[in-house]
Amino acid sequence: MIGTWMQTVGAQWLLVEEPGADTLVAMVQVAAMLPMLVLALPSGALADILDRRRMLIGVQLFQACVAVALAALTVAGRMAPALLLTFTFLLGCGVALSLPAYQSLIQDLVRARRSVRRRPWAGSRSTRPAPSVPRWPD
């Protein structure tokens, strides 16, 4: 996730000097988040149907290939704004596909006896009541 956020900031930074930068910078955020809106439900269904581990590995390999192509074209000076938006969209698709599988895989990795979520009420015994907010005099 942090790498995706860094890529989004880097893409916006690359487009600041372009003509029409205000629209292009906004389009980077749209290209990064639109796949989450469109693919959230289908990727959740895929995470339930497919092997989550293999799905994550495949999506991560896809994202790595996109990132290498993005870096190579940027270093070569061949990164057009439309191409940058396309790569940002593809990386956003990778995030949208990987999040449901990642979130459900964590529960499979953590044993039930070690899980914090096993007993959500257990933490309430170790905390004291929150202090009350003093009232202002009338």
Protein backbone atom coordinates (compact mmCIF):
# COMPACT_ATOMS: atom_id res chain seq x y z
CA MET A 1 0.00 0.00 0.00
CA ILE A 2 2.72 2.48 0.88
CA GLY A 3 4.43 1.84 -2.45
CA THR A 4 1.18 2.54 -4.28
CA TRP A 5 0.74 5.79 -2.38
CA MET A 6 4.32 6.75 -3.22
CA GLN A 7 3.69 5.98 -6.89
CA THR A 8 0.57 8.15 -6.87
CA VAL A 9 2.48 11.08 -5.36
CA GLY A 10 5.33 10.53 -7.82
CA ALA A 11 2.93 10.47 -10.76
CA GLN A 12 1.32 13.69 -9.59
CA TRP A 13 4.75 15.23 -9.16
CA LEU A 14 5.71 14.29 -12.73
CA LEU A 15 2.60 15.99 -14.07
CA VAL A 16 2.87 19.26 -12.17
CA GLU A 17 4.92 20.91 -14.92
CA GLU A 18 2.68 19.73 -17.78
CA PRO A 19 0.17 22.04 -19.45
CA GLY A 20 -3.22 21.52 -17.84
CA ALA A 21 -1.55 20.19 -14.69
CA ASP A 22 -4.55 20.86 -12.47
CA THR A 23 -6.69 18.42 -14.43
CA LEU A 24 -3.90 15.89 -14.90
CA VAL A 25 -3.02 15.78 -11.21
CA ALA A 26 -6.67 15.16 -10.37
CA MET A 27 -6.85 12.47 -13.04
CA VAL A 28 -3.98 10.60 -11.33
CA GLN A 29 -6.10 10.23 -8.21
CA VAL A 30 -9.08 9.14 -10.32
CA ALA A 31 -6.94 6.59 -12.16
CA ALA A 32 -5.64 5.23 -8.86
CA MET A 33 -9.05 4.95 -7.14
CA LEU A 34 -11.46 4.15 -9.97
CA PRO A 35 -10.37 0.49 -10.11
CA MET A 36 -11.26 0.11 -6.45
CA LEU A 37 -14.76 1.35 -7.15
CA VAL A 38 -15.23 -0.84 -10.20
CA LEU A 39 -13.39 -4.00 -9.10
CA ALA A 40 -14.17 -4.20 -5.38
CA LEU A 41 -17.06 -6.64 -5.68
CA PRO A 42 -15.62 -8.84 -8.44
CA SER A 43 -12.23 -9.08 -6.72
CA GLY A 44 -13.91 -10.10 -3.47
CA ALA A 45 -15.72 -12.87 -5.32
CA LEU A 46 -12.47 -13.94 -6.98
CA ALA A 47 -10.75 -14.04 -3.60
CA ASP A 48 -13.46 -16.42 -2.40
CA ILE A 49 -13.29 -18.64 -5.48
CA LEU A 50 -9.56 -18.79 -6.23
CA ASP A 51 -6.60 -19.81 -4.12
CA ARG A 52 -5.81 -16.56 -2.30
CA ARG A 53 -2.08 -17.15 -2.11
CA ARG A 54 -1.75 -17.78 -5.83
CA MET A 55 -4.00 -14.84 -6.59
CA LEU A 56 -1.82 -12.53 -4.50
CA ILE A 57 1.36 -13.84 -6.10
CA GLY A 58 -0.09 -13.33 -9.59
CA VAL A 59 -1.31 -9.82 -8.84
CA GLN A 60 2.01 -8.88 -7.22
CA LEU A 61 3.91 -10.14 -10.29
CA PHE A 62 1.59 -8.11 -12.52
CA GLN A 63 2.18 -5.00 -10.41
CA ALA A 64 5.94 -5.58 -10.46
CA CYS A 65 5.94 -5.79 -14.26
CA VAL A 66 3.89 -2.59 -14.52
CA ALA A 67 6.22 -0.83 -12.06
CA VAL A 68 9.34 -1.90 -13.99
CA ALA A 69 7.84 -0.66 -17.26
CA LEU A 70 6.78 2.58 -15.57
CA ALA A 71 10.27 3.13 -14.16
CA ALA A 72 12.02 2.27 -17.43
CA LEU A 73 9.89 4.64 -19.49
CA THR A 74 10.24 7.41 -16.92
CA VAL A 75 14.04 7.10 -16.81
CA ALA A 76 14.14 7.02 -20.62
CA GLY A 77 12.11 10.24 -20.73
CA ARG A 78 9.30 8.65 -22.73
CA MET A 79 6.51 9.01 -20.17
CA ALA A 80 3.56 10.80 -21.73
CA PRO A 81 0.74 11.91 -19.41
CA ALA A 82 -1.75 9.47 -20.97
CA LEU A 83 0.71 6.62 -20.52
CA LEU A 84 1.35 7.61 -16.91
CA LEU A 85 -2.40 7.63 -16.24
CA THR A 86 -2.68 4.19 -17.86
CA PHE A 87 0.08 2.77 -15.66
CA THR A 88 -1.50 4.35 -12.59
CA PHE A 89 -4.82 2.77 -13.53
CA LEU A 90 -3.17 -0.64 -13.97
CA LEU A 91 -1.49 -0.37 -10.58
CA GLY A 92 -4.83 0.62 -9.08
CA CYS A 93 -6.35 -2.51 -10.63
CA GLY A 94 -3.65 -4.53 -8.92
CA VAL A 95 -4.46 -2.95 -5.56
CA ALA A 96 -8.19 -3.53 -6.08
CA LEU A 97 -7.59 -7.18 -6.91
CA SER A 98 -5.17 -7.85 -4.08
CA LEU A 99 -6.89 -6.20 -1.10
CA PRO A 100 -9.79 -8.65 -0.63
CA ALA A 101 -7.48 -11.65 -1.00
CA TYR A 102 -4.95 -10.13 1.39
CA GLN A 103 -7.54 -9.24 4.01
CA SER A 104 -9.08 -12.71 3.99
CA LEU A 105 -5.71 -14.48 3.88
CA ILE A 106 -4.60 -12.84 7.13
CA GLN A 107 -7.32 -14.68 9.02
CA ASP A 108 -6.11 -17.97 7.56
CA LEU A 109 -2.52 -17.27 8.62
CA VAL A 110 -3.22 -16.35 12.23
CA ARG A 111 -4.26 -19.25 14.43
CA ALA A 112 -7.52 -18.87 16.32
CA ARG A 113 -5.91 -19.18 19.75
CA ARG A 114 -3.53 -16.31 19.01
CA SER A 115 -6.02 -14.11 17.27
CA VAL A 116 -6.84 -10.81 18.94
CA ARG A 117 -10.25 -10.82 17.29
CA ARG A 118 -11.18 -14.14 18.85
CA ARG A 119 -12.66 -12.39 21.86
CA PRO A 120 -13.31 -8.74 21.06
CA TRP A 121 -14.57 -8.11 24.60
CA ALA A 122 -11.29 -9.27 26.22
CA GLY A 123 -9.66 -5.86 25.78
CA SER A 124 -12.39 -4.12 27.73
CA ARG A 125 -11.32 -5.83 30.96
CA SER A 126 -7.83 -4.39 30.77
CA THR A 127 -8.85 -0.80 30.15
CA ARG A 128 -10.29 1.55 32.67
CA PRO A 129 -13.34 3.68 31.97
CA ALA A 130 -12.67 6.79 29.96
CA PRO A 131 -12.47 9.93 32.08
CA SER A 132 -15.53 12.07 31.94
CA VAL A 133 -15.40 15.41 30.19
CA PRO A 134 -15.73 18.26 32.65
CA ARG A 135 -18.77 20.43 32.19
CA TRP A 136 -18.45 24.15 31.79
CA PRO A 137 -20.23 26.15 34.46
CA ASP A 138 -23.44 27.75 33.32
